[in-house]
PDB file of all heavy atoms in Angstrom:
ATOM      1  N   GLY A   1     -29.986 237.451  38.067  1.00  0.00           N
ATOM      2  CA  GLY A   1     -29.005 238.358  38.666  1.00  0.00           C
ATOM      3  C   GLY A   1     -29.563 239.756  38.835  1.00  0.00           C
ATOM      4  O   GLY A   1     -29.323 240.414  39.858  1.00  0.00           O
ATOM      5  N   ASP A   2     -30.313 240.223  37.847  1.00  0.00           N
ATOM      6  CA  ASP A   2     -30.897 241.562  37.931  1.00  0.00           C
ATOM      7  C   ASP A   2     -31.933 241.648  39.051  1.00  0.00           C
ATOM      8  O   ASP A   2     -32.019 242.672  39.754  1.00  0.00           O
ATOM      9  CB  ASP A   2     -31.540 241.949  36.598  1.00  0.00           C
ATOM     10  CG  ASP A   2     -30.514 242.250  35.513  1.00  0.00           C
ATOM     11  OD1 ASP A   2     -29.321 242.414  35.849  1.00  0.00           O
ATOM     12  OD2 ASP A   2     -30.905 242.304  34.332  1.00  0.00           O
ATOM     13  N   VAL A   3     -32.724 240.591  39.228  1.00  0.00           N
ATOM     14  CA  VAL A   3     -33.692 240.567  40.329  1.00  0.00           C
ATOM     15  C   VAL A   3     -32.970 240.670  41.666  1.00  0.00           C
ATOM     16  O   VAL A   3     -33.376 241.438  42.561  1.00  0.00           O
ATOM     17  CB  VAL A   3     -34.562 239.294  40.273  1.00  0.00           C
ATOM     18  CG1 VAL A   3     -35.370 239.124  41.566  1.00  0.00           C
ATOM     19  CG2 VAL A   3     -35.503 239.348  39.082  1.00  0.00           C
ATOM     20  N   TYR A   4     -31.903 239.914  41.833  1.00  0.00           N
ATOM     21  CA  TYR A   4     -31.154 239.966  43.082  1.00  0.00           C
ATOM     22  C   TYR A   4     -30.570 241.356  43.321  1.00  0.00           C
ATOM     23  O   TYR A   4     -30.572 241.852  44.460  1.00  0.00           O
ATOM     24  CB  TYR A   4     -30.042 238.918  43.070  1.00  0.00           C
ATOM     25  CG  TYR A   4     -30.527 237.481  43.206  1.00  0.00           C
ATOM     26  CD1 TYR A   4     -29.695 236.417  42.911  1.00  0.00           C
ATOM     27  CD2 TYR A   4     -31.817 237.187  43.624  1.00  0.00           C
ATOM     28  CE1 TYR A   4     -30.127 235.096  43.035  1.00  0.00           C
ATOM     29  CE2 TYR A   4     -32.267 235.888  43.750  1.00  0.00           C
ATOM     30  CZ  TYR A   4     -31.415 234.849  43.461  1.00  0.00           C
ATOM     31  OH  TYR A   4     -31.845 233.544  43.589  1.00  0.00           O
ATOM     32  N   LEU A   5     -30.066 241.981  42.268  1.00  0.00           N
ATOM     33  CA  LEU A   5     -29.540 243.346  42.412  1.00  0.00           C
ATOM     34  C   LEU A   5     -30.661 244.309  42.814  1.00  0.00           C
ATOM     35  O   LEU A   5     -30.483 245.141  43.711  1.00  0.00           O
ATOM     36  CB  LEU A   5     -28.904 243.798  41.101  1.00  0.00           C
ATOM     37  CG  LEU A   5     -27.558 243.169  40.741  1.00  0.00           C
ATOM     38  CD1 LEU A   5     -27.183 243.508  39.298  1.00  0.00           C
ATOM     39  CD2 LEU A   5     -26.459 243.664  41.688  1.00  0.00           C
ATOM     40  N   GLU A   6     -31.809 244.195  42.169  1.00  0.00           N
ATOM     41  CA  GLU A   6     -32.936 245.087  42.456  1.00  0.00           C
ATOM     42  C   GLU A   6     -33.431 244.933  43.887  1.00  0.00           C
ATOM     43  O   GLU A   6     -33.804 245.917  44.543  1.00  0.00           O
ATOM     44  CB  GLU A   6     -34.089 244.783  41.492  1.00  0.00           C
ATOM     45  CG  GLU A   6     -33.805 245.138  40.051  1.00  0.00           C
ATOM     46  CD  GLU A   6     -34.806 244.479  39.098  1.00  0.00           C
ATOM     47  OE1 GLU A   6     -35.759 243.810  39.595  1.00  0.00           O
ATOM     48  OE2 GLU A   6     -34.636 244.611  37.877  1.00  0.00           O
ATOM     49  N   GLN A   7     -33.446 243.699  44.388  1.00  0.00           N
ATOM     50  CA  GLN A   7     -34.024 243.409  45.696  1.00  0.00           C
ATOM     51  C   GLN A   7     -32.995 243.414  46.826  1.00  0.00           C
ATOM     52  O   GLN A   7     -33.363 243.224  47.992  1.00  0.00           O
ATOM     53  CB  GLN A   7     -34.738 242.049  45.661  1.00  0.00           C
ATOM     54  CG  GLN A   7     -35.870 241.978  44.652  1.00  0.00           C
ATOM     55  CD  GLN A   7     -36.977 242.969  44.935  1.00  0.00           C
ATOM     56  OE1 GLN A   7     -37.323 243.224  46.086  1.00  0.00           O
ATOM     57  NE2 GLN A   7     -37.535 243.553  43.880  1.00  0.00           N
ATOM     58  N   GLY A   8     -31.725 243.614  46.501  1.00  0.00           N
ATOM     59  CA  GLY A   8     -30.693 243.592  47.536  1.00  0.00           C
ATOM     60  C   GLY A   8     -30.466 242.215  48.120  1.00  0.00           C
ATOM     61  O   GLY A   8     -30.121 242.079  49.306  1.00  0.00           O
ATOM     62  N   ILE A   9     -30.656 241.166  47.297  1.00  0.00           N
ATOM     63  CA  ILE A   9     -30.488 239.785  47.731  1.00  0.00           C
ATOM     64  C   ILE A   9     -29.088 239.310  47.357  1.00  0.00           C
ATOM     65  O   ILE A   9     -28.633 239.529  46.225  1.00  0.00           O
ATOM     66  CB  ILE A   9     -31.561 238.889  47.095  1.00  0.00           C
ATOM     67  CG1 ILE A   9     -32.936 239.242  47.664  1.00  0.00           C
ATOM     68  CG2 ILE A   9     -31.262 237.407  47.301  1.00  0.00           C
ATOM     69  CD1 ILE A   9     -34.096 238.561  46.954  1.00  0.00           C
ATOM     70  N   LYS A  10     -28.404 238.671  48.289  1.00  0.00           N
ATOM     71  CA  LYS A  10     -27.056 238.168  48.048  1.00  0.00           C
ATOM     72  C   LYS A  10     -27.118 236.871  47.241  1.00  0.00           C
ATOM     73  O   LYS A  10     -27.717 235.892  47.682  1.00  0.00           O
ATOM     74  CB  LYS A  10     -26.354 237.908  49.380  1.00  0.00           C
ATOM     75  CG  LYS A  10     -24.943 237.325  49.245  1.00  0.00           C
ATOM     76  CD  LYS A  10     -23.929 238.376  48.863  1.00  0.00           C
ATOM     77  CE  LYS A  10     -22.523 237.818  48.839  1.00  0.00           C
ATOM     78  NZ  LYS A  10     -21.501 238.850  48.588  1.00  0.00           N
ATOM     79  N   PRO A  11     -26.505 236.833  46.048  1.00  0.00           N
ATOM     80  CA  PRO A  11     -26.507 235.580  45.290  1.00  0.00           C
ATOM     81  C   PRO A  11     -25.589 234.539  45.939  1.00  0.00           C
ATOM     82  O   PRO A  11     -24.481 234.860  46.372  1.00  0.00           O
ATOM     83  CB  PRO A  11     -25.961 235.981  43.920  1.00  0.00           C
ATOM     84  CG  PRO A  11     -26.030 237.476  43.880  1.00  0.00           C
ATOM     85  CD  PRO A  11     -25.881 237.933  45.299  1.00  0.00           C
ATOM     86  N   GLU A  12     -26.076 233.316  45.999  1.00  0.00           N
ATOM     87  CA  GLU A  12     -25.250 232.171  46.346  1.00  0.00           C
ATOM     88  C   GLU A  12     -24.977 231.461  45.022  1.00  0.00           C
ATOM     89  O   GLU A  12     -25.844 230.772  44.484  1.00  0.00           O
ATOM     90  CB  GLU A  12     -25.986 231.251  47.316  1.00  0.00           C
ATOM     91  CG  GLU A  12     -25.213 229.989  47.666  1.00  0.00           C
ATOM     92  CD  GLU A  12     -26.089 228.971  48.372  1.00  0.00           C
ATOM     93  OE1 GLU A  12     -27.102 228.548  47.777  1.00  0.00           O
ATOM     94  OE2 GLU A  12     -25.763 228.607  49.511  1.00  0.00           O
ATOM     95  N   ILE A  13     -23.788 231.650  44.481  1.00  0.00           N
ATOM     96  CA  ILE A  13     -23.469 231.141  43.147  1.00  0.00           C
ATOM     97  C   ILE A  13     -23.107 229.668  43.259  1.00  0.00           C
ATOM     98  O   ILE A  13     -22.025 229.315  43.734  1.00  0.00           O
ATOM     99  CB  ILE A  13     -22.328 231.960  42.512  1.00  0.00           C
ATOM    100  CG1 ILE A  13     -22.715 233.438  42.443  1.00  0.00           C
ATOM    101  CG2 ILE A  13     -22.019 231.417  41.119  1.00  0.00           C
ATOM    102  CD1 ILE A  13     -21.604 234.342  41.961  1.00  0.00           C
ATOM    103  N   GLU A  14     -24.024 228.829  42.818  1.00  0.00           N
ATOM    104  CA  GLU A  14     -23.832 227.387  42.958  1.00  0.00           C
ATOM    105  C   GLU A  14     -23.047 226.861  41.756  1.00  0.00           C
ATOM    106  O   GLU A  14     -23.447 227.051  40.603  1.00  0.00           O
ATOM    107  CB  GLU A  14     -25.181 226.690  43.102  1.00  0.00           C
ATOM    108  CG  GLU A  14     -25.931 227.148  44.347  1.00  0.00           C
ATOM    109  CD  GLU A  14     -26.983 226.169  44.826  1.00  0.00           C
ATOM    110  OE1 GLU A  14     -27.375 225.274  44.049  1.00  0.00           O
ATOM    111  OE2 GLU A  14     -27.404 226.293  45.992  1.00  0.00           O
ATOM    112  N   ILE A  15     -21.926 226.203  42.064  1.00  0.00           N
ATOM    113  CA  ILE A  15     -21.001 225.715  41.050  1.00  0.00           C
ATOM    114  C   ILE A  15     -21.002 224.195  41.077  1.00  0.00           C
ATOM    115  O   ILE A  15     -20.562 223.580  42.049  1.00  0.00           O
ATOM    116  CB  ILE A  15     -19.575 226.250  41.298  1.00  0.00           C
ATOM    117  CG1 ILE A  15     -19.551 227.787  41.323  1.00  0.00           C
ATOM    118  CG2 ILE A  15     -18.602 225.693  40.267  1.00  0.00           C
ATOM    119  CD1 ILE A  15     -19.890 228.448  40.013  1.00  0.00           C
ATOM    120  N   PHE A  16     -21.509 223.592  40.011  1.00  0.00           N
ATOM    121  CA  PHE A  16     -21.520 222.140  39.892  1.00  0.00           C
ATOM    122  C   PHE A  16     -20.371 221.623  39.036  1.00  0.00           C
ATOM    123  O   PHE A  16     -20.051 220.438  39.091  1.00  0.00           O
ATOM    124  CB  PHE A  16     -22.841 221.669  39.279  1.00  0.00           C
ATOM    125  CG  PHE A  16     -24.034 221.877  40.159  1.00  0.00           C
ATOM    126  CD1 PHE A  16     -24.687 223.096  40.193  1.00  0.00           C
ATOM    127  CD2 PHE A  16     -24.522 220.849  40.960  1.00  0.00           C
ATOM    128  CE1 PHE A  16     -25.799 223.293  40.999  1.00  0.00           C
ATOM    129  CE2 PHE A  16     -25.630 221.028  41.772  1.00  0.00           C
ATOM    130  CZ  PHE A  16     -26.269 222.260  41.796  1.00  0.00           C
ATOM    131  N   ASP A  17     -19.781 222.495  38.223  1.00  0.00           N
ATOM    132  CA  ASP A  17     -18.674 222.111  37.357  1.00  0.00           C
ATOM    133  C   ASP A  17     -17.810 223.337  37.104  1.00  0.00           C
ATOM    134  O   ASP A  17     -18.272 224.482  37.242  1.00  0.00           O
ATOM    135  CB  ASP A  17     -19.190 221.541  36.038  1.00  0.00           C
ATOM    136  CG  ASP A  17     -18.292 220.468  35.467  1.00  0.00           C
ATOM    137  OD1 ASP A  17     -17.110 220.398  35.878  1.00  0.00           O
ATOM    138  OD2 ASP A  17     -18.756 219.684  34.615  1.00  0.00           O
ATOM    139  N   ALA A  18     -16.550 223.092  36.736  1.00  0.00           N
ATOM    140  CA  ALA A  18     -15.574 224.183  36.667  1.00  0.00           C
ATOM    141  C   ALA A  18     -15.965 225.258  35.663  1.00  0.00           C
ATOM    142  O   ALA A  18     -15.693 226.445  35.869  1.00  0.00           O
ATOM    143  CB  ALA A  18     -14.190 223.616  36.333  1.00  0.00           C
ATOM    144  N   GLY A  19     -16.584 224.867  34.554  1.00  0.00           N
ATOM    145  CA  GLY A  19     -16.955 225.858  33.552  1.00  0.00           C
ATOM    146  C   GLY A  19     -17.930 226.898  34.056  1.00  0.00           C
ATOM    147  O   GLY A  19     -18.012 228.004  33.495  1.00  0.00           O
ATOM    148  N   MET A  20     -18.655 226.588  35.117  1.00  0.00           N
ATOM    149  CA  MET A  20     -19.610 227.547  35.663  1.00  0.00           C
ATOM    150  C   MET A  20     -18.917 228.756  36.286  1.00  0.00           C
ATOM    151  O   MET A  20     -19.538 229.819  36.427  1.00  0.00           O
ATOM    152  CB  MET A  20     -20.521 226.863  36.674  1.00  0.00           C
ATOM    153  CG  MET A  20     -21.430 225.826  36.059  1.00  0.00           C
ATOM    154  SD  MET A  20     -22.579 225.121  37.270  1.00  0.00           S
ATOM    155  CE  MET A  20     -23.433 223.919  36.248  1.00  0.00           C
ATOM    156  N   LEU A  21     -17.657 228.603  36.666  1.00  0.00           N
ATOM    157  CA  LEU A  21     -16.913 229.766  37.168  1.00  0.00           C
ATOM    158  C   LEU A  21     -16.830 230.849  36.097  1.00  0.00           C
ATOM    159  O   LEU A  21     -16.961 232.046  36.393  1.00  0.00           O
ATOM    160  CB  LEU A  21     -15.509 229.352  37.601  1.00  0.00           C
ATOM    161  CG  LEU A  21     -15.407 228.399  38.794  1.00  0.00           C
ATOM    162  CD1 LEU A  21     -13.945 228.021  39.032  1.00  0.00           C
ATOM    163  CD2 LEU A  21     -16.006 229.007  40.046  1.00  0.00           C
ATOM    164  N   GLY A  22     -16.613 230.430  34.857  1.00  0.00           N
ATOM    165  CA  GLY A  22     -16.553 231.393  33.760  1.00  0.00           C
ATOM    166  C   GLY A  22     -17.890 232.037  33.480  1.00  0.00           C
ATOM    167  O   GLY A  22     -17.960 233.222  33.120  1.00  0.00           O
ATOM    168  N   VAL A  23     -18.971 231.283  33.642  1.00  0.00           N
ATOM    169  CA  VAL A  23     -20.311 231.845  33.457  1.00  0.00           C
ATOM    170  C   VAL A  23     -20.561 232.950  34.485  1.00  0.00           C
ATOM    171  O   VAL A  23     -21.038 234.042  34.154  1.00  0.00           O
ATOM    172  CB  VAL A  23     -21.380 230.744  33.564  1.00  0.00           C
ATOM    173  CG1 VAL A  23     -22.780 231.348  33.515  1.00  0.00           C
ATOM    174  CG2 VAL A  23     -21.206 229.714  32.458  1.00  0.00           C
ATOM    175  N   ALA A  24     -20.228 232.655  35.737  1.00  0.00           N
ATOM    176  CA  ALA A  24     -20.407 233.658  36.784  1.00  0.00           C
ATOM    177  C   ALA A  24     -19.556 234.892  36.505  1.00  0.00           C
ATOM    178  O   ALA A  24     -20.022 236.035  36.656  1.00  0.00           O
ATOM    179  CB  ALA A  24     -20.057 233.068  38.147  1.00  0.00           C
ATOM    180  N   GLU A  25     -18.310 234.678  36.088  1.00  0.00           N
ATOM    181  CA  GLU A  25     -17.423 235.815  35.787  1.00  0.00           C
ATOM    182  C   GLU A  25     -17.994 236.676  34.665  1.00  0.00           C
ATOM    183  O   GLU A  25     -17.921 237.908  34.710  1.00  0.00           O
ATOM    184  CB  GLU A  25     -16.038 235.293  35.404  1.00  0.00           C
ATOM    185  CG  GLU A  25     -15.034 236.395  35.124  1.00  0.00           C
ATOM    186  CD  GLU A  25     -13.664 235.860  34.735  1.00  0.00           C
ATOM    187  OE1 GLU A  25     -13.536 234.631  34.553  1.00  0.00           O
ATOM    188  OE2 GLU A  25     -12.731 236.671  34.610  1.00  0.00           O
ATOM    189  N   TYR A  26     -18.594 236.032  33.664  1.00  0.00           N
ATOM    190  CA  TYR A  26     -19.193 236.763  32.550  1.00  0.00           C
ATOM    191  C   TYR A  26     -20.282 237.710  33.060  1.00  0.00           C
ATOM    192  O   TYR A  26     -20.314 238.900  32.690  1.00  0.00           O
ATOM    193  CB  TYR A  26     -19.780 235.781  31.543  1.00  0.00           C
ATOM    194  CG  TYR A  26     -20.605 236.423  30.453  1.00  0.00           C
ATOM    195  CD1 TYR A  26     -20.012 236.902  29.285  1.00  0.00           C
ATOM    196  CD2 TYR A  26     -21.991 236.569  30.590  1.00  0.00           C
ATOM    197  CE1 TYR A  26     -20.769 237.506  28.288  1.00  0.00           C
ATOM    198  CE2 TYR A  26     -22.753 237.168  29.599  1.00  0.00           C
ATOM    199  CZ  TYR A  26     -22.134 237.630  28.454  1.00  0.00           C
ATOM    200  OH  TYR A  26     -22.895 238.242  27.469  1.00  0.00           O
ATOM    201  N   PHE A  27     -21.165 237.198  33.922  1.00  0.00           N
ATOM    202  CA  PHE A  27     -22.274 238.034  34.388  1.00  0.00           C
ATOM    203  C   PHE A  27     -21.811 239.090  35.393  1.00  0.00           C
ATOM    204  O   PHE A  27     -22.436 240.152  35.502  1.00  0.00           O
ATOM    205  CB  PHE A  27     -23.396 237.167  34.951  1.00  0.00           C
ATOM    206  CG  PHE A  27     -24.186 236.478  33.870  1.00  0.00           C
ATOM    207  CD1 PHE A  27     -24.112 235.112  33.700  1.00  0.00           C
ATOM    208  CD2 PHE A  27     -24.980 237.218  33.016  1.00  0.00           C
ATOM    209  CE1 PHE A  27     -24.827 234.489  32.682  1.00  0.00           C
ATOM    210  CE2 PHE A  27     -25.704 236.607  31.994  1.00  0.00           C
ATOM    211  CZ  PHE A  27     -25.622 235.235  31.827  1.00  0.00           C
TER     212      PHE A  27
END
């Protein structure tokens, strides 16, 4: 995530299971 912020790259947050939504929210 920090690399994407530094480089101005848009993250494509890939979600394979519902719990990953919480992981993304945490970061």
